[in-house]
């Protein structure tokens, strides 16, 4: 049975994070790395950088891995 990555929401078969959200040792990547990679993904889909950042931080705030992260809360407060 599949479920979703707690960092990005991608469907996965096991574990709590997908292969894209972990480092070489299997641990969740740090906030800065994950944020930049998720913003880059939004930009590839056509969003301008400021919009991609807003969309990414808003989405990250809904994910279990990031919803209580201080950087997410601080960036949300700016919007």
Protein backbone atom coordinates (compact mmCIF):
# COMPACT_ATOMS: atom_id res chain seq x y z
CA UNK A 1 0.00 0.00 0.00
CA UNK A 2 1.40 3.39 -0.90
CA UNK A 3 1.30 6.57 1.13
CA UNK A 4 2.74 10.06 0.74
CA UNK A 5 6.18 11.46 1.54
CA UNK A 6 5.86 13.63 4.65
CA UNK A 7 8.20 16.20 3.10
CA UNK A 8 6.86 16.70 -0.44
CA UNK A 9 3.70 14.63 -0.79
CA UNK A 10 4.99 12.28 -3.48
CA UNK A 11 3.46 8.78 -3.42
CA UNK A 12 5.87 6.27 -1.89
CA UNK A 13 5.73 2.58 -1.03
CA UNK A 14 7.56 2.62 2.31
CA UNK A 15 9.31 4.91 4.75
CA UNK A 16 8.24 8.43 5.54
CA UNK A 17 10.29 10.34 2.95
CA UNK A 18 10.78 9.81 -0.79
CA UNK A 19 14.15 9.37 -2.47
CA UNK A 20 14.22 13.04 -3.50
CA UNK A 21 13.83 14.39 0.03
CA UNK A 22 16.60 12.43 1.74
CA UNK A 23 20.38 12.68 1.70
CA UNK A 24 22.82 9.85 0.97
CA UNK A 25 22.37 8.44 4.48
CA UNK A 26 18.56 8.37 4.22
CA UNK A 27 17.96 11.37 6.49
CA UNK A 28 15.66 14.22 5.59
CA UNK A 29 17.54 17.00 3.79
CA UNK A 30 17.87 20.31 5.60
CA UNK A 31 15.26 23.01 5.07
CA UNK A 32 17.40 25.17 2.75
CA UNK A 33 18.16 22.27 0.40
CA UNK A 34 14.56 21.05 0.26
CA UNK A 35 13.18 24.57 -0.18
CA UNK A 36 15.54 25.39 -3.06
CA UNK A 37 14.82 22.12 -4.84
CA UNK A 38 11.08 22.53 -4.46
CA UNK A 39 11.27 26.14 -5.69
CA UNK A 40 13.32 25.00 -8.70
CA UNK A 41 10.63 22.43 -9.49
CA UNK A 42 7.97 25.16 -9.41
CA UNK A 43 10.13 27.34 -11.68
CA UNK A 44 10.46 24.49 -14.20
CA UNK A 45 6.67 24.35 -14.25
CA UNK A 46 6.59 28.02 -15.27
CA UNK A 47 6.35 30.01 -12.04
CA UNK A 48 8.49 33.12 -11.63
CA UNK A 49 10.88 32.95 -8.65
CA UNK A 50 8.83 35.11 -6.22
CA UNK A 51 5.66 33.17 -6.99
CA UNK A 52 7.51 29.84 -6.79
CA UNK A 53 8.83 30.76 -3.34
CA UNK A 54 5.35 31.72 -2.10
CA UNK A 55 3.78 28.56 -3.51
CA UNK A 56 6.53 26.38 -2.07
CA UNK A 57 6.44 27.79 1.45
CA UNK A 58 2.64 27.63 1.50
CA UNK A 59 2.79 23.99 0.41
CA UNK A 60 5.58 23.09 2.84
CA UNK A 61 3.43 24.47 5.68
CA UNK A 62 0.92 21.69 4.95
CA UNK A 63 3.49 18.88 5.09
CA UNK A 64 4.15 16.99 8.35
CA UNK A 65 7.93 17.30 8.00
CA UNK A 66 7.86 21.09 7.71
CA UNK A 67 4.63 22.47 9.21
CA UNK A 68 6.27 23.33 12.54
CA UNK A 69 9.70 24.27 11.19
CA UNK A 70 10.75 27.77 12.36
CA UNK A 71 11.86 28.82 8.86
CA UNK A 72 8.50 27.88 7.38
CA UNK A 73 6.68 29.85 10.07
CA UNK A 74 8.98 32.87 9.61
CA UNK A 75 8.56 32.92 5.83
CA UNK A 76 4.80 32.52 6.08
CA UNK A 77 4.66 35.50 8.41
CA UNK A 78 6.30 37.63 5.70
CA UNK A 79 3.56 36.87 3.15
